Amino acid sequence: MGSTHVARAEQRRRTQGRIVAAARRLFAEHGYDRTTIRAIAAEAKTDPGLVMRYFESKEKLFARVAVVDQHEPIAGTPEQIAELLLASLGAKVAAEPVAALAAIRSMFTHPEAAREVRAAMLAEQRQAAETMDEEDAALRTGLIGALTLGTVIGRYLLGLDGLRDAPPDRIVALLRQSFHSIVHGDPEPDPAGQRSR
């Protein structure tokens, strides 16, 4: 009985992996509108009903694909949290450009898809905020989310000079101090001697 349960769990995990890989490729090639659950199921060599059972809707599957990385829960010391969030950013900027572009464009043109991606990002931000004690934790995780999204948009959609071709590890290295400072809640003093309000 135990080995049957393990075998089924492993089969489910593999099927979900095939579905995510197929969805990522088809959303990138055909866009959100022209990608169907049936096409994803056919590409993943599974039944459309299983796609819906595992992911509930096309929008939720898109959000899973668009968010790119699925890392372990966000917890630990401020240093560990900053490094997990940096790893998440690194995965996003290392993603295949075609897939990232398709995800970004679909977010701007399909409100239902954007809602699901936003919900996934907010869940990650809330999880990180819960590990911080300060009252402005939501602001700080929101800033990290904005930095992450801005970096991805600047790299893939706007193609900003330097950012477009930079190695992902260099981008992460340059943002490391900022992420750590934001997670710790240690603002730099205003060089003009004025206090921020």
N, C-alpha and C. Protein backbone atom coordinates (compact mmCIF):
# COMPACT_ATOMS: atom_id res chain seq x y z
N MET A 1 0.82 -1.20 0.00
CA MET A 1 0.00 0.00 0.00
C MET A 1 0.87 1.26 0.00
N GLY A 2 1.91 1.29 0.87
CA GLY A 2 2.79 2.45 0.96
C GLY A 2 3.52 2.73 -0.33
N SER A 3 4.05 1.67 -0.97
CA SER A 3 4.80 1.87 -2.21
C SER A 3 3.89 2.30 -3.35
N THR A 4 2.63 1.87 -3.33
CA THR A 4 1.67 2.29 -4.34
C THR A 4 1.40 3.79 -4.21
N HIS A 5 1.25 4.24 -2.96
CA HIS A 5 1.02 5.66 -2.71
C HIS A 5 2.21 6.51 -3.17
N VAL A 6 3.42 6.04 -2.89
CA VAL A 6 4.64 6.74 -3.30
C VAL A 6 4.73 6.78 -4.82
N ALA A 7 4.43 5.66 -5.47
CA ALA A 7 4.48 5.60 -6.94
C ALA A 7 3.47 6.57 -7.55
N ARG A 8 2.27 6.66 -6.98
CA ARG A 8 1.27 7.59 -7.50
C ARG A 8 1.70 9.04 -7.30
N ALA A 9 2.26 9.32 -6.14
CA ALA A 9 2.74 10.69 -5.87
C ALA A 9 3.84 11.08 -6.85
N GLU A 10 4.74 10.14 -7.13
CA GLU A 10 5.82 10.40 -8.08
C GLU A 10 5.26 10.60 -9.49
N GLN A 11 4.29 9.79 -9.86
CA GLN A 11 3.67 9.92 -11.18
C GLN A 11 2.96 11.28 -11.30
N ARG A 12 2.28 11.68 -10.24
CA ARG A 12 1.60 12.98 -10.25
C ARG A 12 2.62 14.11 -10.40
N ARG A 13 3.72 14.03 -9.66
CA ARG A 13 4.76 15.06 -9.74
C ARG A 13 5.33 15.16 -11.15
N ARG A 14 5.58 14.01 -11.77
CA ARG A 14 6.11 14.01 -13.15
C ARG A 14 5.10 14.58 -14.13
N THR A 15 3.84 14.21 -13.97
CA THR A 15 2.79 14.73 -14.86
C THR A 15 2.68 16.24 -14.71
N GLN A 16 2.70 16.73 -13.49
CA GLN A 16 2.64 18.18 -13.27
C GLN A 16 3.85 18.87 -13.90
N GLY A 17 5.01 18.27 -13.79
CA GLY A 17 6.21 18.83 -14.41
C GLY A 17 6.09 18.91 -15.92
N ARG A 18 5.54 17.85 -16.54
CA ARG A 18 5.33 17.87 -18.00
C ARG A 18 4.33 18.95 -18.39
N ILE A 19 3.28 19.10 -17.60
CA ILE A 19 2.26 20.11 -17.89
C ILE A 19 2.87 21.52 -17.81
N VAL A 20 3.63 21.78 -16.77
CA VAL A 20 4.26 23.10 -16.61
C VAL A 20 5.23 23.38 -17.76
N ALA A 21 6.04 22.38 -18.13
CA ALA A 21 6.99 22.56 -19.23
C ALA A 21 6.25 22.82 -20.55
N ALA A 22 5.18 22.08 -20.79
CA ALA A 22 4.39 22.27 -22.02
C ALA A 22 3.74 23.64 -22.02
N ALA A 23 3.17 24.04 -20.89
CA ALA A 23 2.51 25.34 -20.80
C ALA A 23 3.52 26.47 -21.01
N ARG A 24 4.67 26.34 -20.41
CA ARG A 24 5.71 27.38 -20.56
C ARG A 24 6.06 27.55 -22.04
N ARG A 25 6.27 26.43 -22.74
CA ARG A 25 6.65 26.49 -24.15
C ARG A 25 5.52 27.07 -25.00
N LEU A 26 4.28 26.59 -24.79
CA LEU A 26 3.16 27.03 -25.62
C LEU A 26 2.77 28.49 -25.34
N PHE A 27 2.78 28.91 -24.08
CA PHE A 27 2.51 30.32 -23.79
C PHE A 27 3.56 31.21 -24.45
N ALA A 28 4.82 30.77 -24.44
CA ALA A 28 5.89 31.55 -25.06
C ALA A 28 5.73 31.60 -26.57
N GLU A 29 5.38 30.48 -27.18
CA GLU A 29 5.27 30.43 -28.65
C GLU A 29 4.01 31.08 -29.18
N HIS A 30 2.88 30.85 -28.50
CA HIS A 30 1.58 31.26 -29.05
C HIS A 30 0.89 32.37 -28.28
N GLY A 31 1.41 32.74 -27.13
CA GLY A 31 0.76 33.76 -26.31
C GLY A 31 -0.36 33.17 -25.48
N TYR A 32 -0.88 33.99 -24.60
CA TYR A 32 -1.92 33.54 -23.67
C TYR A 32 -3.21 33.18 -24.40
N ASP A 33 -3.67 34.08 -25.28
CA ASP A 33 -4.95 33.87 -25.97
C ASP A 33 -5.01 32.59 -26.79
N ARG A 34 -3.95 32.32 -27.54
CA ARG A 34 -3.99 31.20 -28.48
C ARG A 34 -3.54 29.87 -27.87
N THR A 35 -3.20 29.87 -26.61
CA THR A 35 -2.83 28.62 -25.94
C THR A 35 -4.05 28.08 -25.22
N THR A 36 -4.39 26.84 -25.50
CA THR A 36 -5.55 26.22 -24.87
C THR A 36 -5.13 25.11 -23.91
N ILE A 37 -6.03 24.78 -23.00
CA ILE A 37 -5.78 23.67 -22.08
C ILE A 37 -5.61 22.38 -22.86
N ARG A 38 -6.40 22.20 -23.91
CA ARG A 38 -6.28 20.98 -24.74
C ARG A 38 -4.89 20.88 -25.38
N ALA A 39 -4.40 22.01 -25.89
CA ALA A 39 -3.08 22.00 -26.53
C ALA A 39 -1.99 21.70 -25.50
N ILE A 40 -2.12 22.27 -24.32
CA ILE A 40 -1.14 22.00 -23.26
C ILE A 40 -1.17 20.52 -22.89
N ALA A 41 -2.37 19.97 -22.73
CA ALA A 41 -2.51 18.55 -22.38
C ALA A 41 -1.92 17.66 -23.47
N ALA A 42 -2.18 17.99 -24.73
CA ALA A 42 -1.63 17.19 -25.83
C ALA A 42 -0.11 17.24 -25.82
N GLU A 43 0.45 18.42 -25.63
CA GLU A 43 1.91 18.57 -25.58
C GLU A 43 2.51 17.80 -24.41
N ALA A 44 1.79 17.77 -23.28
CA ALA A 44 2.27 17.08 -22.08
C ALA A 44 1.92 15.59 -22.08
N LYS A 45 1.22 15.15 -23.13
CA LYS A 45 0.79 13.75 -23.26
C LYS A 45 -0.03 13.31 -22.04
N THR A 46 -1.05 14.13 -21.75
CA THR A 46 -1.95 13.82 -20.64
C THR A 46 -3.36 14.28 -21.00
N ASP A 47 -4.27 14.08 -20.11
CA ASP A 47 -5.67 14.41 -20.33
C ASP A 47 -5.95 15.86 -19.90
N PRO A 48 -6.77 16.61 -20.67
CA PRO A 48 -7.11 17.98 -20.27
C PRO A 48 -7.73 18.05 -18.87
N GLY A 49 -8.47 17.01 -18.50
CA GLY A 49 -9.06 16.98 -17.16
C GLY A 49 -8.02 17.00 -16.06
N LEU A 50 -6.88 16.34 -16.30
CA LEU A 50 -5.81 16.35 -15.31
C LEU A 50 -5.18 17.73 -15.19
N VAL A 51 -5.07 18.43 -16.31
CA VAL A 51 -4.52 19.79 -16.27
C VAL A 51 -5.40 20.65 -15.36
N MET A 52 -6.72 20.55 -15.55
CA MET A 52 -7.64 21.33 -14.74
C MET A 52 -7.64 20.87 -13.28
N ARG A 53 -7.51 19.58 -13.07
CA ARG A 53 -7.49 19.04 -11.70
C ARG A 53 -6.27 19.55 -10.93
N TYR A 54 -5.13 19.57 -11.59
CA TYR A 54 -3.90 19.99 -10.91
C TYR A 54 -3.78 21.51 -10.79
N PHE A 55 -4.28 22.25 -11.78
CA PHE A 55 -4.04 23.70 -11.80
C PHE A 55 -5.30 24.55 -11.74
N GLU A 56 -6.48 23.95 -11.84
CA GLU A 56 -7.78 24.60 -11.69
C GLU A 56 -8.23 25.46 -12.86
N SER A 57 -7.33 26.23 -13.47
CA SER A 57 -7.73 27.10 -14.57
C SER A 57 -6.51 27.46 -15.41
N LYS A 58 -6.79 27.95 -16.60
CA LYS A 58 -5.71 28.41 -17.48
C LYS A 58 -4.96 29.57 -16.82
N GLU A 59 -5.69 30.46 -16.15
CA GLU A 59 -5.07 31.61 -15.50
C GLU A 59 -4.10 31.18 -14.41
N LYS A 60 -4.51 30.20 -13.60
CA LYS A 60 -3.63 29.74 -12.51
C LYS A 60 -2.41 29.00 -13.06
N LEU A 61 -2.61 28.25 -14.14
CA LEU A 61 -1.46 27.59 -14.77
C LEU A 61 -0.51 28.64 -15.34
N PHE A 62 -1.06 29.67 -15.96
CA PHE A 62 -0.23 30.75 -16.49
C PHE A 62 0.56 31.41 -15.36
N ALA A 63 -0.10 31.66 -14.23
CA ALA A 63 0.59 32.29 -13.10
C ALA A 63 1.73 31.41 -12.62
N ARG A 64 1.51 30.12 -12.57
CA ARG A 64 2.56 29.19 -12.14
C ARG A 64 3.76 29.27 -13.08
N VAL A 65 3.48 29.35 -14.38
CA VAL A 65 4.54 29.42 -15.38
C VAL A 65 5.20 30.80 -15.36
N ALA A 66 4.41 31.86 -15.23
CA ALA A 66 4.94 33.22 -15.28
C ALA A 66 5.80 33.57 -14.08
N VAL A 67 5.46 33.02 -12.92
CA VAL A 67 6.24 33.31 -11.73
C VAL A 67 7.62 32.69 -11.84
N VAL A 68 7.79 31.72 -12.67
CA VAL A 68 9.05 31.08 -13.04
C VAL A 68 9.58 30.10 -12.02
N ASP A 69 9.91 30.56 -10.86
CA ASP A 69 10.56 29.67 -9.91
C ASP A 69 9.61 29.27 -8.79
N GLN A 70 9.80 28.08 -8.31
CA GLN A 70 9.06 27.59 -7.16
C GLN A 70 10.10 27.16 -6.15
N HIS A 71 10.43 28.06 -5.24
CA HIS A 71 11.46 27.72 -4.27
C HIS A 71 10.82 27.32 -2.95
N GLU A 72 11.66 26.91 -2.03
CA GLU A 72 11.17 26.51 -0.72
C GLU A 72 10.53 27.70 -0.02
N PRO A 73 9.71 27.42 1.00
CA PRO A 73 9.05 28.52 1.72
C PRO A 73 10.06 29.55 2.22
N ILE A 74 9.63 30.80 2.25
CA ILE A 74 10.51 31.89 2.67
C ILE A 74 10.50 31.96 4.19
N ALA A 75 11.63 31.66 4.79
CA ALA A 75 11.76 31.70 6.24
C ALA A 75 13.23 31.78 6.59
N GLY A 76 13.51 32.13 7.83
CA GLY A 76 14.90 32.15 8.29
C GLY A 76 15.30 33.52 8.79
N THR A 77 16.60 33.71 8.86
CA THR A 77 17.16 34.98 9.31
C THR A 77 16.98 36.01 8.20
N PRO A 78 17.13 37.30 8.52
CA PRO A 78 17.05 38.31 7.46
C PRO A 78 18.03 38.03 6.31
N GLU A 79 19.23 37.56 6.64
CA GLU A 79 20.21 37.24 5.60
C GLU A 79 19.71 36.12 4.69
N GLN A 80 19.12 35.09 5.29
CA GLN A 80 18.60 33.96 4.51
C GLN A 80 17.42 34.40 3.64
N ILE A 81 16.56 35.24 4.19
CA ILE A 81 15.41 35.74 3.42
C ILE A 81 15.89 36.56 2.23
N ALA A 82 16.84 37.46 2.46
CA ALA A 82 17.38 38.27 1.36
C ALA A 82 17.98 37.38 0.28
N GLU A 83 18.70 36.34 0.68
CA GLU A 83 19.31 35.44 -0.31
C GLU A 83 18.27 34.62 -1.07
N LEU A 84 17.19 34.20 -0.39
CA LEU A 84 16.11 33.49 -1.09
C LEU A 84 15.45 34.40 -2.13
N LEU A 85 15.21 35.65 -1.75
CA LEU A 85 14.59 36.60 -2.69
C LEU A 85 15.54 36.93 -3.84
N LEU A 86 16.82 37.01 -3.56
CA LEU A 86 17.81 37.21 -4.63
C LEU A 86 17.85 36.00 -5.56
N ALA A 87 17.74 34.80 -5.00
CA ALA A 87 17.73 33.59 -5.83
C ALA A 87 16.50 33.58 -6.73
N SER A 88 15.38 34.05 -6.20
CA SER A 88 14.15 34.15 -6.99
C SER A 88 14.35 35.12 -8.15
N LEU A 89 14.96 36.28 -7.87
CA LEU A 89 15.27 37.24 -8.92
C LEU A 89 16.23 36.63 -9.94
N GLY A 90 17.26 35.95 -9.46
CA GLY A 90 18.22 35.31 -10.36
C GLY A 90 17.56 34.33 -11.31
N ALA A 91 16.61 33.55 -10.79
CA ALA A 91 15.89 32.59 -11.65
C ALA A 91 15.08 33.32 -12.71
N LYS A 92 14.48 34.44 -12.34
CA LYS A 92 13.67 35.19 -13.29
C LYS A 92 14.53 35.80 -14.41
N VAL A 93 15.69 36.35 -14.07
CA VAL A 93 16.52 36.97 -15.10
C VAL A 93 17.32 35.94 -15.89
N ALA A 94 17.39 34.71 -15.38
CA ALA A 94 18.08 33.64 -16.12
C ALA A 94 17.11 32.87 -17.02
N ALA A 95 15.81 33.13 -16.87
CA ALA A 95 14.80 32.41 -17.65
C ALA A 95 14.98 32.70 -19.14
N GLU A 96 14.45 31.80 -19.94
CA GLU A 96 14.51 31.98 -21.38
C GLU A 96 13.79 33.26 -21.77
N PRO A 97 14.43 34.16 -22.52
CA PRO A 97 13.82 35.46 -22.85
C PRO A 97 12.45 35.35 -23.52
N VAL A 98 12.26 34.39 -24.41
CA VAL A 98 10.98 34.27 -25.10
C VAL A 98 9.87 34.00 -24.10
N ALA A 99 10.11 33.11 -23.15
CA ALA A 99 9.10 32.78 -22.15
C ALA A 99 8.81 33.98 -21.26
N ALA A 100 9.86 34.67 -20.84
CA ALA A 100 9.67 35.84 -19.97
C ALA A 100 8.90 36.94 -20.70
N LEU A 101 9.23 37.18 -21.96
CA LEU A 101 8.53 38.20 -22.74
C LEU A 101 7.06 37.85 -22.91
N ALA A 102 6.77 36.60 -23.22
CA ALA A 102 5.38 36.18 -23.39
C ALA A 102 4.61 36.38 -22.09
N ALA A 103 5.22 36.03 -20.98
CA ALA A 103 4.56 36.18 -19.68
C ALA A 103 4.30 37.66 -19.39
N ILE A 104 5.28 38.51 -19.62
CA ILE A 104 5.12 39.94 -19.33
C ILE A 104 4.04 40.54 -20.22
N ARG A 105 4.09 40.25 -21.50
CA ARG A 105 3.09 40.81 -22.43
C ARG A 105 1.69 40.34 -22.06
N SER A 106 1.55 39.07 -21.71
CA SER A 106 0.24 38.55 -21.34
C SER A 106 -0.27 39.21 -20.06
N MET A 107 0.62 39.53 -19.16
CA MET A 107 0.21 40.21 -17.92
C MET A 107 -0.38 41.58 -18.23
N PHE A 108 0.16 42.26 -19.24
CA PHE A 108 -0.33 43.59 -19.58
C PHE A 108 -1.59 43.56 -20.43
N THR A 109 -1.83 42.47 -21.13
CA THR A 109 -2.97 42.43 -22.05
C THR A 109 -4.14 41.58 -21.58
N HIS A 110 -3.95 40.77 -20.55
CA HIS A 110 -5.02 39.88 -20.08
C HIS A 110 -5.21 40.06 -18.57
N PRO A 111 -6.20 40.84 -18.19
CA PRO A 111 -6.40 41.14 -16.77
C PRO A 111 -6.53 39.89 -15.89
N GLU A 112 -7.20 38.85 -16.39
CA GLU A 112 -7.38 37.65 -15.56
C GLU A 112 -6.04 36.95 -15.32
N ALA A 113 -5.18 36.94 -16.31
CA ALA A 113 -3.85 36.34 -16.13
C ALA A 113 -3.01 37.20 -15.20
N ALA A 114 -3.09 38.52 -15.37
CA ALA A 114 -2.34 39.43 -14.51
C ALA A 114 -2.78 39.29 -13.06
N ARG A 115 -4.08 39.08 -12.84
CA ARG A 115 -4.60 38.90 -11.48
C ARG A 115 -3.96 37.70 -10.80
N GLU A 116 -3.85 36.59 -11.54
CA GLU A 116 -3.27 35.37 -10.97
C GLU A 116 -1.77 35.54 -10.70
N VAL A 117 -1.06 36.19 -11.61
CA VAL A 117 0.37 36.42 -11.40
C VAL A 117 0.56 37.35 -10.20
N ARG A 118 -0.26 38.39 -10.12
CA ARG A 118 -0.18 39.31 -8.98
C ARG A 118 -0.45 38.57 -7.68
N ALA A 119 -1.45 37.70 -7.67
CA ALA A 119 -1.77 36.93 -6.46
C ALA A 119 -0.58 36.06 -6.04
N ALA A 120 0.08 35.45 -7.01
CA ALA A 120 1.25 34.61 -6.69
C ALA A 120 2.39 35.45 -6.13
N MET A 121 2.61 36.62 -6.73
CA MET A 121 3.67 37.51 -6.24
C MET A 121 3.34 38.04 -4.84
N LEU A 122 2.07 38.40 -4.63
CA LEU A 122 1.66 38.89 -3.31
C LEU A 122 1.80 37.82 -2.25
N ALA A 123 1.49 36.58 -2.60
CA ALA A 123 1.64 35.48 -1.63
C ALA A 123 3.09 35.35 -1.21
N GLU A 124 4.00 35.45 -2.17
CA GLU A 124 5.43 35.38 -1.86
C GLU A 124 5.84 36.56 -0.98
N GLN A 125 5.35 37.76 -1.30
CA GLN A 125 5.69 38.94 -0.51
C GLN A 125 5.15 38.83 0.91
N ARG A 126 3.90 38.37 1.05
CA ARG A 126 3.31 38.23 2.39
C ARG A 126 4.08 37.22 3.22
N GLN A 127 4.47 36.14 2.56
CA GLN A 127 5.24 35.11 3.28
C GLN A 127 6.55 35.71 3.80
N ALA A 128 7.22 36.50 2.99
CA ALA A 128 8.46 37.14 3.43
C ALA A 128 8.17 38.16 4.53
N ALA A 129 7.10 38.94 4.38
CA ALA A 129 6.76 39.97 5.37
C ALA A 129 6.46 39.36 6.74
N GLU A 130 5.86 38.18 6.75
CA GLU A 130 5.53 37.52 8.02
C GLU A 130 6.77 37.17 8.84
N THR A 131 7.90 37.07 8.19
CA THR A 131 9.12 36.71 8.91
C THR A 131 9.84 37.94 9.47
N MET A 132 9.35 39.12 9.13
CA MET A 132 9.96 40.37 9.61
C MET A 132 9.08 40.96 10.71
N ASP A 133 9.70 41.48 11.77
CA ASP A 133 8.88 42.01 12.86
C ASP A 133 8.48 43.47 12.70
N GLU A 134 9.20 44.23 11.97
CA GLU A 134 8.93 45.66 11.89
C GLU A 134 7.60 45.95 11.21
N GLU A 135 7.05 47.12 11.57
CA GLU A 135 5.74 47.50 11.05
C GLU A 135 5.73 47.77 9.55
N ASP A 136 6.85 48.12 8.97
CA ASP A 136 6.87 48.42 7.54
C ASP A 136 7.33 47.23 6.70
N ALA A 137 7.15 46.02 7.20
CA ALA A 137 7.57 44.82 6.47
C ALA A 137 6.87 44.71 5.12
N ALA A 138 5.58 45.05 5.07
CA ALA A 138 4.85 44.97 3.80
C ALA A 138 5.43 45.95 2.78
N LEU A 139 5.79 47.14 3.23
CA LEU A 139 6.42 48.12 2.34
C LEU A 139 7.75 47.58 1.82
N ARG A 140 8.55 47.01 2.70
CA ARG A 140 9.87 46.52 2.30
C ARG A 140 9.76 45.36 1.31
N THR A 141 8.83 44.43 1.56
CA THR A 141 8.70 43.32 0.60
C THR A 141 8.09 43.82 -0.71
N GLY A 142 7.23 44.84 -0.62
CA GLY A 142 6.71 45.45 -1.85
C GLY A 142 7.81 46.09 -2.68
N LEU A 143 8.76 46.73 -2.00
CA LEU A 143 9.90 47.33 -2.71
C LEU A 143 10.75 46.26 -3.40
N ILE A 144 10.95 45.15 -2.72
CA ILE A 144 11.71 44.06 -3.34
C ILE A 144 10.95 43.50 -4.53
N GLY A 145 9.62 43.38 -4.41
CA GLY A 145 8.82 42.94 -5.54
C GLY A 145 8.92 43.90 -6.71
N ALA A 146 8.89 45.21 -6.41
CA ALA A 146 9.00 46.22 -7.47
C ALA A 146 10.38 46.17 -8.12
N LEU A 147 11.43 46.00 -7.33
CA LEU A 147 12.78 45.88 -7.90
C LEU A 147 12.87 44.65 -8.80
N THR A 148 12.29 43.56 -8.35
CA THR A 148 12.33 42.32 -9.13
C THR A 148 11.58 42.49 -10.44
N LEU A 149 10.34 42.98 -10.36
CA LEU A 149 9.53 43.15 -11.57
C LEU A 149 10.17 44.18 -12.50
N GLY A 150 10.67 45.27 -11.95
CA GLY A 150 11.33 46.28 -12.77
C GLY A 150 12.56 45.75 -13.47
N THR A 151 13.32 44.91 -12.78
CA THR A 151 14.51 44.32 -13.39
C THR A 151 14.13 43.40 -14.55
N VAL A 152 13.10 42.58 -14.34
CA VAL A 152 12.66 41.66 -15.39
C VAL A 152 12.11 42.43 -16.59
N ILE A 153 11.28 43.45 -16.33
CA ILE A 153 10.72 44.25 -17.43
C ILE A 153 11.83 45.02 -18.15
N GLY A 154 12.75 45.61 -17.40
CA GLY A 154 13.86 46.34 -18.01
C GLY A 154 14.73 45.45 -18.87
N ARG A 155 14.93 44.22 -18.44
CA ARG A 155 15.79 43.28 -19.17
C ARG A 155 15.10 42.76 -20.43
N TYR A 156 13.86 42.28 -20.27
CA TYR A 156 13.22 41.56 -21.37
C TYR A 156 12.26 42.38 -22.22
N LEU A 157 11.52 43.30 -21.63
CA LEU A 157 10.54 44.04 -22.41
C LEU A 157 11.14 45.33 -22.98
N LEU A 158 11.86 46.07 -22.14
CA LEU A 158 12.45 47.33 -22.60
C LEU A 158 13.83 47.14 -23.21
N GLY A 159 14.50 46.05 -22.87
CA GLY A 159 15.84 45.79 -23.40
C GLY A 159 16.83 46.89 -23.06
N LEU A 160 16.82 47.35 -21.80
CA LEU A 160 17.70 48.44 -21.39
C LEU A 160 19.17 48.05 -21.58
N ASP A 161 19.94 49.00 -22.12
CA ASP A 161 21.37 48.76 -22.34
C ASP A 161 22.02 48.29 -21.04
N GLY A 162 22.93 47.38 -21.16
CA GLY A 162 23.63 46.84 -20.00
C GLY A 162 22.82 45.76 -19.31
N LEU A 163 21.60 46.07 -18.94
CA LEU A 163 20.75 45.11 -18.23
C LEU A 163 20.35 43.95 -19.15
N ARG A 164 20.08 44.26 -20.40
CA ARG A 164 19.63 43.26 -21.37
C ARG A 164 20.62 42.10 -21.49
N ASP A 165 21.90 42.39 -21.53
CA ASP A 165 22.90 41.35 -21.79
C ASP A 165 23.73 40.96 -20.56
N ALA A 166 23.42 41.53 -19.42
CA ALA A 166 24.22 41.25 -18.21
C ALA A 166 24.01 39.81 -17.75
N PRO A 167 25.06 39.16 -17.29
CA PRO A 167 24.90 37.82 -16.73
C PRO A 167 24.02 37.89 -15.47
N PRO A 168 23.11 36.93 -15.30
CA PRO A 168 22.23 36.95 -14.12
C PRO A 168 22.98 37.07 -12.79
N ASP A 169 24.13 36.39 -12.67
CA ASP A 169 24.86 36.47 -11.40
C ASP A 169 25.40 37.88 -11.14
N ARG A 170 25.70 38.63 -12.18
CA ARG A 170 26.17 40.01 -12.01
C ARG A 170 25.01 40.90 -11.55
N ILE A 171 23.83 40.70 -12.12
CA ILE A 171 22.65 41.47 -11.70
C ILE A 171 22.37 41.22 -10.22
N VAL A 172 22.38 39.95 -9.84
CA VAL A 172 22.13 39.58 -8.45
C VAL A 172 23.19 40.19 -7.53
N ALA A 173 24.45 40.13 -7.95
CA ALA A 173 25.54 40.68 -7.12
C ALA A 173 25.36 42.18 -6.90
N LEU A 174 24.96 42.91 -7.94
CA LEU A 174 24.78 44.35 -7.81
C LEU A 174 23.59 44.72 -6.93
N LEU A 175 22.57 43.87 -6.91
CA LEU A 175 21.38 44.15 -6.10
C LEU A 175 21.45 43.57 -4.69
N ARG A 176 22.46 42.75 -4.43
CA ARG A 176 22.56 42.07 -3.12
C ARG A 176 22.51 43.05 -1.94
N GLN A 177 23.32 44.08 -1.96
CA GLN A 177 23.35 45.02 -0.84
C GLN A 177 21.99 45.69 -0.65
N SER A 178 21.34 46.06 -1.75
CA SER A 178 20.03 46.70 -1.66
C SER A 178 19.01 45.76 -1.03
N PHE A 179 18.97 44.52 -1.48
CA PHE A 179 18.02 43.55 -0.94
C PHE A 179 18.26 43.34 0.56
N HIS A 180 19.52 43.18 0.94
CA HIS A 180 19.83 42.98 2.36
C HIS A 180 19.43 44.21 3.19
N SER A 181 19.71 45.40 2.68
CA SER A 181 19.35 46.62 3.39
C SER A 181 17.83 46.73 3.55
N ILE A 182 17.09 46.41 2.50
CA ILE A 182 15.63 46.49 2.56
C ILE A 182 15.08 45.45 3.52
N VAL A 183 15.56 44.22 3.45
CA VAL A 183 15.07 43.17 4.34
C VAL A 183 15.35 43.52 5.80
N HIS A 184 16.54 44.07 6.07
CA HIS A 184 16.90 44.45 7.44
C HIS A 184 16.15 45.70 7.90
N GLY A 185 15.68 46.51 6.95
CA GLY A 185 15.01 47.75 7.32
C GLY A 185 15.97 48.83 7.78
N ASP A 186 17.18 48.79 7.26
CA ASP A 186 18.21 49.76 7.63
C ASP A 186 18.36 50.81 6.54
N PRO A 187 17.57 51.89 6.60
CA PRO A 187 17.71 52.91 5.55
C PRO A 187 19.02 53.67 5.69
N GLU A 188 19.56 54.06 4.57
CA GLU A 188 20.77 54.90 4.56
C GLU A 188 20.38 56.30 5.01
N PRO A 189 21.26 56.98 5.74
CA PRO A 189 20.94 58.36 6.12
C PRO A 189 20.91 59.26 4.88
N ASP A 190 20.06 60.26 4.95
CA ASP A 190 19.96 61.22 3.85
C ASP A 190 21.24 62.06 3.83
N PRO A 191 21.98 62.05 2.71
CA PRO A 191 23.26 62.78 2.67
C PRO A 191 23.08 64.29 2.84
N ALA A 192 21.91 64.82 2.53
CA ALA A 192 21.67 66.26 2.66
C ALA A 192 21.26 66.61 4.09
N GLY A 193 21.15 65.59 4.95
CA GLY A 193 20.80 65.84 6.33
C GLY A 193 19.31 66.01 6.58
N GLN A 194 18.50 65.79 5.56
CA GLN A 194 17.06 65.89 5.72
C GLN A 194 16.51 64.51 6.07
N ARG A 195 15.49 64.50 6.87
CA ARG A 195 14.87 63.23 7.24
C ARG A 195 13.78 62.89 6.23
N SER A 196 13.66 61.61 5.89
CA SER A 196 12.58 61.20 5.00
C SER A 196 11.29 61.14 5.81
N ARG A 197 10.21 61.43 5.14
CA ARG A 197 8.92 61.47 5.84
C ARG A 197 8.07 60.31 5.47
